[in-house]
């Protein structure tokens, strides 16, 4: 195996194949990593039901197997679970999970050499509450009937014991349902910033639904895949040219869809910019929840933005957020966690991305893709060392 090569793979264990998505290769690699002790723990989502799960750090192989399968209605970023850990860890990583881990590594929160990022292709995630409402209103399904879901070929598919129902994502999102806003305009769908990129894009013919397409992005990617093969938990075969072309076309289509939503959702502000932001932030209660879940923030007790927590803040605009706008201009990865936890329902990720994306484009810098330092770290005040 070499970096850059692509394979089709699947789990050899029948239970893992049955539980896991696309033949269970990702689950097999994580389980084998624990089995053979190349990692001390694995991060997985412990399922509550088909719409809810909680992230856990586990040393138990059975937890990994039970967590197998896709969950598009659990929009968490797993990076925060690694902060401060001094152990070797493997985790399934959406593109924004991988971004978060890499940004934490730059801030000395994790040692990237101890982290195995098993990247997952991502078409986007949904809020569980809106997904339940969408099911009943547009799919005419009760949430408890659902036994699985998938995003494939531009459609959101829900599986029941009696079959499946699918609707075009575009139609759902025009009606205000479907993926979270930041997922719509995200254009990183194949996580080449992870050690491996895994998914069902590019699997063709009789292997559809039975195998995972995996691209090797690093030596650590080779190590964790080879370990699963050596442990007898996985098999692979070279990917065919047809599959690679299909995967590339799907990715290109998803990127174009992201660009379309970017132009629509982040179109230039019309009118007074200050008034736009003042109005958007007027209900902020300075709770700090957005900072707590941000995978990029790592200032801890030294955080200057916390100096502006105040119920008596009578500035035209929240000073706390002004500081964070500047802090995150070159580092915001657009994961949307801040919006998800805001008790005042402020679209914080939308506001931060309005500041961040133009700056990142100007500086030709994309956070979370490699270990290059954020550009604003390099700026020094005149006369200062």
Protein backbone atom coordinates (compact mmCIF):
# COMPACT_ATOMS: atom_id res chain seq x y z
CA UNK A 1 0.00 0.00 0.00
CA UNK A 2 1.07 3.56 -0.74
CA UNK A 3 -0.21 7.02 0.08
CA UNK A 4 -2.59 8.10 -2.68
CA UNK A 5 -3.79 4.61 -3.54
CA UNK A 6 -7.47 3.67 -3.40
CA UNK A 7 -9.09 0.39 -2.38
CA UNK A 8 -12.41 -1.27 -1.77
CA UNK A 9 -12.64 -2.93 1.63
CA UNK A 10 -15.04 -4.69 3.96
CA UNK A 11 -15.16 -6.36 7.36
CA UNK A 12 -14.67 -10.12 7.54
CA UNK A 13 -16.74 -10.42 10.71
CA UNK A 14 -20.41 -11.05 9.87
CA UNK A 15 -21.75 -9.02 12.81
CA UNK A 16 -19.62 -6.01 11.90
CA UNK A 17 -20.65 -6.26 8.23
CA UNK A 18 -24.30 -6.38 9.26
CA UNK A 19 -24.12 -3.48 11.72
CA UNK A 20 -21.68 -1.27 9.86
CA UNK A 21 -22.24 0.96 6.87
CA UNK A 22 -20.91 -0.11 3.45
CA UNK A 23 -19.51 -3.44 4.58
CA UNK A 24 -18.29 -2.26 7.98
CA UNK A 25 -14.67 -1.49 7.07
CA UNK A 26 -14.44 1.59 9.32
CA UNK A 27 -15.79 -0.33 12.31
CA UNK A 28 -13.38 -3.19 11.58
CA UNK A 29 -10.39 -0.82 11.55
CA UNK A 30 -11.39 0.82 14.84
CA UNK A 31 -12.07 -2.53 16.53
CA UNK A 32 -8.78 -3.98 15.29
CA UNK A 33 -6.88 -0.91 16.49
CA UNK A 34 -8.12 -1.65 20.02
CA UNK A 35 -7.59 -5.40 19.64
CA UNK A 36 -3.96 -5.06 18.60
CA UNK A 37 -3.33 -2.12 20.95
CA UNK A 38 -2.10 0.34 18.35
CA UNK A 39 -4.42 2.78 20.17
CA UNK A 40 -5.47 3.07 23.80
CA UNK A 41 -9.03 4.20 23.08
CA UNK A 42 -11.52 4.93 20.31
CA UNK A 43 -14.08 7.74 20.00
CA UNK A 44 -17.51 6.56 18.83
CA UNK A 45 -21.14 7.66 18.99
CA UNK A 46 -23.12 5.66 21.52
CA UNK A 47 -26.59 5.34 20.02
CA UNK A 48 -29.70 6.24 21.99
CA UNK A 49 -31.96 5.77 18.97
CA UNK A 50 -31.81 6.44 15.23
CA UNK A 51 -31.87 10.20 15.88
CA UNK A 52 -29.74 10.63 18.97
CA UNK A 53 -26.34 9.55 20.24
CA UNK A 54 -23.64 10.75 22.61
CA UNK A 55 -19.91 10.70 21.85
CA UNK A 56 -17.83 8.51 24.14
CA UNK A 57 -14.15 7.64 24.51
CA UNK A 58 -13.99 3.88 25.00
CA UNK A 59 -11.47 1.08 25.40
CA UNK A 60 -14.15 -1.55 24.84
CA UNK A 61 -14.28 -3.27 21.45
CA UNK A 62 -17.97 -4.09 21.96
CA UNK A 63 -18.80 -0.38 22.28
CA UNK A 64 -17.20 0.15 18.87
CA UNK A 65 -19.21 -2.64 17.25
CA UNK A 66 -22.49 -1.46 18.80
CA UNK A 67 -21.82 2.06 17.48
CA UNK A 68 -21.47 0.86 13.87
CA UNK A 69 -23.56 2.53 11.17
CA UNK A 70 -24.24 6.01 9.82
CA UNK A 71 -25.98 8.73 11.82
CA UNK A 72 -26.69 11.94 9.91
CA UNK A 73 -28.89 13.36 12.69
CA UNK A 74 -26.18 13.69 15.35
CA UNK A 75 -24.37 16.93 14.43
CA UNK A 76 -21.54 16.82 16.98
CA UNK A 77 -17.89 17.67 16.45
CA UNK A 78 -15.76 14.96 18.05
CA UNK A 79 -12.54 17.00 18.31
CA UNK A 80 -13.28 18.39 21.78
CA UNK A 81 -13.25 14.85 23.22
CA UNK A 82 -9.51 14.62 22.52
CA UNK A 83 -8.34 17.90 24.04
CA UNK A 84 -5.77 17.36 26.75
CA UNK A 85 -5.63 13.58 26.28
CA UNK A 86 -2.14 12.04 26.43
CA UNK A 87 -3.13 8.68 24.95
CA UNK A 88 -3.27 7.18 21.46
CA UNK A 89 -6.78 7.50 20.01
CA UNK A 90 -8.57 6.55 16.78
CA UNK A 91 -11.82 8.12 15.67
CA UNK A 92 -14.19 8.22 12.69
CA UNK A 93 -13.90 11.79 11.47
CA UNK A 94 -16.15 13.90 9.28
CA UNK A 95 -14.20 16.61 7.43
CA UNK A 96 -15.00 19.15 10.17
CA UNK A 97 -13.96 16.67 12.91
CA UNK A 98 -10.60 16.30 11.19
CA UNK A 99 -10.31 20.07 10.85
CA UNK A 100 -11.02 20.51 14.54
CA UNK A 101 -8.37 17.97 15.57
CA UNK A 102 -5.75 19.58 13.32
CA UNK A 103 -6.52 23.05 14.68
CA UNK A 104 -6.24 21.70 18.22
CA UNK A 105 -2.86 20.20 17.34
CA UNK A 106 -1.64 23.64 16.27
CA UNK A 107 -2.67 24.93 19.70
CA UNK A 108 -0.88 22.12 21.56
CA UNK A 109 -4.17 20.60 22.76
CA UNK A 110 -3.41 17.21 21.17
CA UNK A 111 -0.39 15.40 19.77
CA UNK A 112 -1.38 14.63 16.18
CA UNK A 113 1.10 11.75 16.01
CA UNK A 114 -1.08 9.95 18.59
CA UNK A 115 -4.32 10.44 16.64
CA UNK A 116 -5.60 8.16 13.85
CA UNK A 117 -8.20 10.02 11.80
CA UNK A 118 -10.40 7.58 9.88
CA UNK A 119 -12.11 10.12 7.64
CA UNK A 120 -15.71 9.77 6.52
CA UNK A 121 -17.08 11.32 3.33
CA UNK A 122 -19.81 13.72 4.39
CA UNK A 123 -22.83 15.04 2.55
CA UNK A 124 -24.01 16.91 5.64
CA UNK A 125 -25.78 16.39 8.96
CA UNK A 126 -29.21 17.33 10.31
CA UNK A 127 -30.72 18.47 13.59
CA UNK A 128 -32.63 15.62 15.25
CA UNK A 129 -35.64 17.80 16.15
CA UNK A 130 -36.14 19.22 12.66
CA UNK A 131 -35.49 15.75 11.18
CA UNK A 132 -38.34 14.30 13.25
CA UNK A 133 -40.67 17.10 12.15
CA UNK A 134 -39.62 16.61 8.52
CA UNK A 135 -40.33 12.88 8.75
CA UNK A 136 -43.89 13.35 9.90
CA UNK A 137 -44.69 16.30 7.63
CA UNK A 138 -42.98 15.37 4.36
CA UNK A 139 -42.30 11.63 4.55
CA UNK A 140 -45.50 10.69 6.39
CA UNK A 141 -43.43 8.50 8.69
CA UNK A 142 -43.35 8.25 12.46
CA UNK A 143 -39.83 8.60 13.89
CA UNK A 144 -40.09 5.28 15.69
CA UNK A 145 -40.63 3.54 12.34
CA UNK A 146 -37.18 4.52 11.10
CA UNK A 147 -34.43 1.90 11.30
CA UNK A 148 -31.79 3.74 9.26
CA UNK A 149 -31.05 6.65 6.95
CA UNK A 150 -28.67 7.60 4.15
CA UNK A 151 -27.80 10.51 1.86
CA UNK A 152 -27.22 9.18 -1.64
CA UNK A 153 -27.45 10.52 -5.21
CA UNK A 154 -28.89 13.84 -4.07
CA UNK A 155 -31.63 12.21 -2.01
CA UNK A 156 -32.26 11.79 1.70
CA UNK A 157 -33.40 8.21 2.27
CA UNK A 158 -35.11 6.85 5.39
CA UNK A 159 -35.37 3.10 5.83
CA UNK A 160 -38.18 1.31 7.67
CA UNK A 161 -38.92 -2.37 8.24
CA UNK A 162 -41.28 -2.18 5.25
CA UNK A 163 -38.96 -0.47 2.79
CA UNK A 164 -37.64 3.02 2.16
CA UNK A 165 -38.75 6.54 1.30
CA UNK A 166 -36.57 9.11 -0.45
CA UNK A 167 -36.89 12.80 -1.30
CA UNK A 168 -34.48 15.15 -3.13
CA UNK A 169 -32.31 17.13 -0.71
CA UNK A 170 -32.80 20.31 -2.74
CA UNK A 171 -36.58 20.15 -2.33
CA UNK A 172 -36.31 19.51 1.41
CA UNK A 173 -33.89 22.38 1.95
CA UNK A 174 -35.93 24.85 -0.05
CA UNK A 175 -38.68 24.10 2.49
CA UNK A 176 -36.35 24.75 5.42
CA UNK A 177 -35.55 21.12 6.25
CA UNK A 178 -32.68 18.81 5.41
CA UNK A 179 -29.08 19.58 6.31
CA UNK A 180 -27.87 22.19 8.77
CA UNK A 181 -27.02 25.51 7.15
CA UNK A 182 -23.25 25.24 7.53
CA UNK A 183 -23.35 21.76 5.97
CA UNK A 184 -25.12 23.15 2.93
CA UNK A 185 -22.37 25.59 2.00
CA UNK A 186 -19.47 23.36 3.09
CA UNK A 187 -17.36 22.28 0.10
CA UNK A 188 -15.05 19.79 1.82
CA UNK A 189 -16.82 16.48 1.30
CA UNK A 190 -13.94 13.99 1.02
CA UNK A 191 -11.71 14.40 4.12
CA UNK A 192 -8.26 14.22 2.59
CA UNK A 193 -7.08 16.07 5.70
CA UNK A 194 -7.61 12.76 7.58
CA UNK A 195 -5.35 9.68 7.45
CA UNK A 196 -7.93 7.82 5.36
CA UNK A 197 -10.98 8.93 3.36
CA UNK A 198 -13.79 6.38 3.53
CA UNK A 199 -17.30 6.19 2.11
CA UNK A 200 -19.65 4.59 -0.39
CA UNK A 201 -18.87 7.00 -3.24
CA UNK A 202 -17.10 5.01 -5.94
CA UNK A 203 -18.42 1.58 -4.96
CA UNK A 204 -20.07 0.08 -8.02
CA UNK A 205 -21.68 -3.12 -9.25
CA UNK A 206 -22.29 -6.05 -6.93
CA UNK A 207 -20.29 -4.44 -4.11
CA UNK A 208 -22.70 -1.52 -3.63
CA UNK A 209 -23.73 -1.53 0.02
CA UNK A 210 -21.20 -4.26 0.78
CA UNK A 211 -17.88 -2.42 0.54
CA UNK A 212 -16.22 0.88 1.47
CA UNK A 213 -14.17 2.96 -0.93
CA UNK A 214 -11.02 4.04 0.93
CA UNK A 215 -8.30 6.46 -0.13
CA UNK A 216 -4.98 6.42 1.75
CA UNK A 217 -3.78 9.89 2.75
CA UNK A 218 -0.90 9.19 5.15
CA UNK A 219 1.44 6.56 6.59
CA UNK A 220 -0.81 6.36 9.65
CA UNK A 221 -3.66 5.55 7.29
CA UNK A 222 -1.66 2.64 5.91
CA UNK A 223 -0.87 1.48 9.44
CA UNK A 224 -4.45 1.34 10.72
CA UNK A 225 -5.78 -0.31 7.54
CA UNK A 226 -2.95 -2.86 7.41
CA UNK A 227 -3.47 -3.61 11.10
CA UNK A 228 -7.12 -4.55 10.45
CA UNK A 229 -6.06 -6.83 7.58
CA UNK A 230 -3.33 -8.47 9.68
CA UNK A 231 -5.84 -8.97 12.51
CA UNK A 232 -8.11 -10.85 10.11
CA UNK A 233 -10.92 -8.30 10.52
CA UNK A 234 -10.75 -6.70 7.05
CA UNK A 235 -10.15 -7.53 3.40
CA UNK A 236 -9.37 -5.15 0.54
CA UNK A 237 -8.98 -5.11 -3.22
CA UNK A 238 -7.74 -2.34 -5.53
CA UNK A 239 -10.38 0.18 -6.59
CA UNK A 240 -11.30 0.18 -10.27
CA UNK A 241 -10.84 3.19 -12.51
CA UNK A 242 -14.61 3.35 -13.08
CA UNK A 243 -15.19 3.69 -9.34
CA UNK A 244 -12.58 6.42 -8.98
CA UNK A 245 -14.19 8.40 -11.79
CA UNK A 246 -17.65 7.96 -10.25
CA UNK A 247 -16.37 9.11 -6.85
CA UNK A 248 -14.74 12.17 -8.38
CA UNK A 249 -17.95 13.12 -10.19
CA UNK A 250 -20.04 12.78 -7.03
CA UNK A 251 -17.57 14.92 -5.10
CA UNK A 252 -17.58 17.56 -7.83
CA UNK A 253 -21.37 17.63 -7.79
CA UNK A 254 -21.42 18.06 -4.00
CA UNK A 255 -18.85 20.85 -4.19
CA UNK A 256 -20.95 22.70 -6.78
CA UNK A 257 -24.01 22.32 -4.55
CA UNK A 258 -21.99 23.80 -1.68
CA UNK A 259 -20.94 26.75 -3.84
CA UNK A 260 -24.57 27.34 -4.79
CA UNK A 261 -25.68 27.48 -1.16
CA UNK A 262 -22.70 29.66 -0.30
CA UNK A 263 -23.77 32.23 -2.88
CA UNK A 264 -27.34 32.11 -1.62
CA UNK A 265 -26.87 31.98 2.15
CA UNK A 266 -23.78 34.17 2.45
CA UNK A 267 -24.68 36.76 -0.17
CA UNK A 268 -23.39 40.30 0.57
CA UNK A 269 -25.31 42.15 3.28
CA UNK A 270 -27.67 44.77 1.94
CA UNK A 271 -27.86 47.99 3.93
CA UNK A 272 -26.10 48.99 7.14
CA UNK A 273 -23.60 46.32 8.19
CA UNK A 274 -23.31 47.48 11.79
CA UNK A 275 -27.08 47.38 12.22
CA UNK A 276 -27.20 43.90 10.67
CA UNK A 277 -24.77 42.48 13.24
CA UNK A 278 -26.21 44.49 16.13
CA UNK A 279 -29.67 43.12 15.38
CA UNK A 280 -28.38 39.56 14.93
CA UNK A 281 -26.59 39.63 18.30
CA UNK A 282 -29.06 41.63 20.37
CA UNK A 283 -30.38 38.58 22.25
CA UNK A 284 -26.95 37.29 23.34
CA UNK A 285 -26.97 36.51 27.07
CA UNK A 286 -23.16 36.16 27.36
CA UNK A 287 -23.43 32.52 28.48
CA UNK A 288 -20.21 31.52 26.69
CA UNK A 289 -21.62 28.24 25.39
CA UNK A 290 -20.34 28.98 21.88
CA UNK A 291 -16.78 29.29 23.16
CA UNK A 292 -17.03 26.10 25.20
CA UNK A 293 -17.95 23.92 22.21
CA UNK A 294 -15.69 25.62 19.67
CA UNK A 295 -12.98 23.11 18.62
CA UNK A 296 -10.69 26.00 17.67
CA UNK A 297 -10.85 27.90 20.98
CA UNK A 298 -8.12 26.81 23.40
CA UNK A 299 -7.31 29.89 25.45
CA UNK A 300 -8.79 28.45 28.67
CA UNK A 301 -8.21 30.84 31.59
CA UNK A 302 -6.35 33.29 29.35
CA UNK A 303 -9.35 33.90 27.07
CA UNK A 304 -9.67 37.65 26.60
CA UNK A 305 -13.14 37.34 25.11
CA UNK A 306 -14.37 36.27 28.57
CA UNK A 307 -13.40 39.70 29.90
CA UNK A 308 -16.46 40.98 28.04
CA UNK A 309 -19.05 38.64 29.60
CA UNK A 310 -21.46 41.06 31.19
CA UNK A 311 -25.22 41.27 31.69
CA UNK A 312 -24.70 45.04 31.76
CA UNK A 313 -23.12 45.19 28.30
CA UNK A 314 -24.73 48.31 26.82
CA UNK A 315 -22.52 48.62 23.74
CA UNK A 316 -24.25 48.81 20.38
CA UNK A 317 -22.92 45.33 19.68
CA UNK A 318 -21.75 42.56 22.00
CA UNK A 319 -18.06 43.19 22.69
CA UNK A 320 -17.66 39.50 23.51
CA UNK A 321 -18.57 38.54 19.94
CA UNK A 322 -16.51 41.33 18.42
CA UNK A 323 -13.45 39.85 20.09
CA UNK A 324 -14.40 36.36 18.87
CA UNK A 325 -15.00 37.61 15.32
CA UNK A 326 -11.42 38.86 15.22
CA UNK A 327 -10.08 35.79 17.02
CA UNK A 328 -11.66 33.36 14.56
CA UNK A 329 -11.29 35.25 11.27
CA UNK A 330 -8.47 33.02 10.05
CA UNK A 331 -9.37 29.93 12.08
CA UNK A 332 -13.13 29.29 12.01
CA UNK A 333 -13.73 25.86 10.46
CA UNK A 334 -17.48 26.37 9.98
CA UNK A 335 -18.54 23.29 11.96
CA UNK A 336 -21.70 25.00 13.27
CA UNK A 337 -21.37 23.85 16.88
CA UNK A 338 -21.79 27.41 18.19
CA UNK A 339 -25.16 27.77 16.45
CA UNK A 340 -26.28 24.36 17.69
CA UNK A 341 -25.79 25.19 21.39
CA UNK A 342 -26.86 28.85 21.44
CA UNK A 343 -29.83 29.15 23.86
CA UNK A 344 -30.86 32.39 22.17
CA UNK A 345 -30.93 30.72 18.74
CA UNK A 346 -28.47 33.18 17.23
CA UNK A 347 -27.02 31.90 13.91
CA UNK A 348 -23.47 32.33 15.19
CA UNK A 349 -21.73 30.08 12.65
CA UNK A 350 -23.36 32.11 9.87
CA UNK A 351 -22.05 35.37 11.40
CA UNK A 352 -18.54 34.02 12.06
CA UNK A 353 -18.30 32.60 8.55
CA UNK A 354 -19.28 35.97 7.09
CA UNK A 355 -16.14 37.34 8.70
CA UNK A 356 -13.93 34.29 8.24
CA UNK A 357 -14.46 33.15 4.65
CA UNK A 358 -13.46 36.43 2.95
CA UNK A 359 -10.37 36.68 5.17
CA UNK A 360 -9.36 33.08 4.53
CA UNK A 361 -9.84 33.55 0.78
CA UNK A 362 -7.74 36.72 0.84
CA UNK A 363 -4.95 34.97 2.75
CA UNK A 364 -5.24 31.80 0.63
CA UNK A 365 -5.55 29.80 3.82
CA UNK A 366 -8.00 27.04 4.74
CA UNK A 367 -7.97 26.10 8.43
CA UNK A 368 -7.86 22.49 9.50
CA UNK A 369 -6.30 21.16 6.32
CA UNK A 370 -2.66 20.91 7.41
CA UNK A 371 -0.31 22.09 10.17
CA UNK A 372 0.39 25.48 8.62
CA UNK A 373 0.02 28.17 11.27
CA UNK A 374 -2.96 30.54 10.95
CA UNK A 375 -1.75 33.63 9.04
CA UNK A 376 -2.68 36.11 11.75
CA UNK A 377 -0.32 34.33 14.15
CA UNK A 378 2.50 35.61 11.98
CA UNK A 379 1.53 39.27 12.23
CA UNK A 380 3.58 41.28 14.72
CA UNK A 381 2.93 44.80 15.90
CA UNK A 382 5.36 47.38 14.53
CA UNK A 383 8.28 47.84 16.90
CA UNK A 384 7.53 44.58 18.75
CA UNK A 385 9.88 41.58 18.63
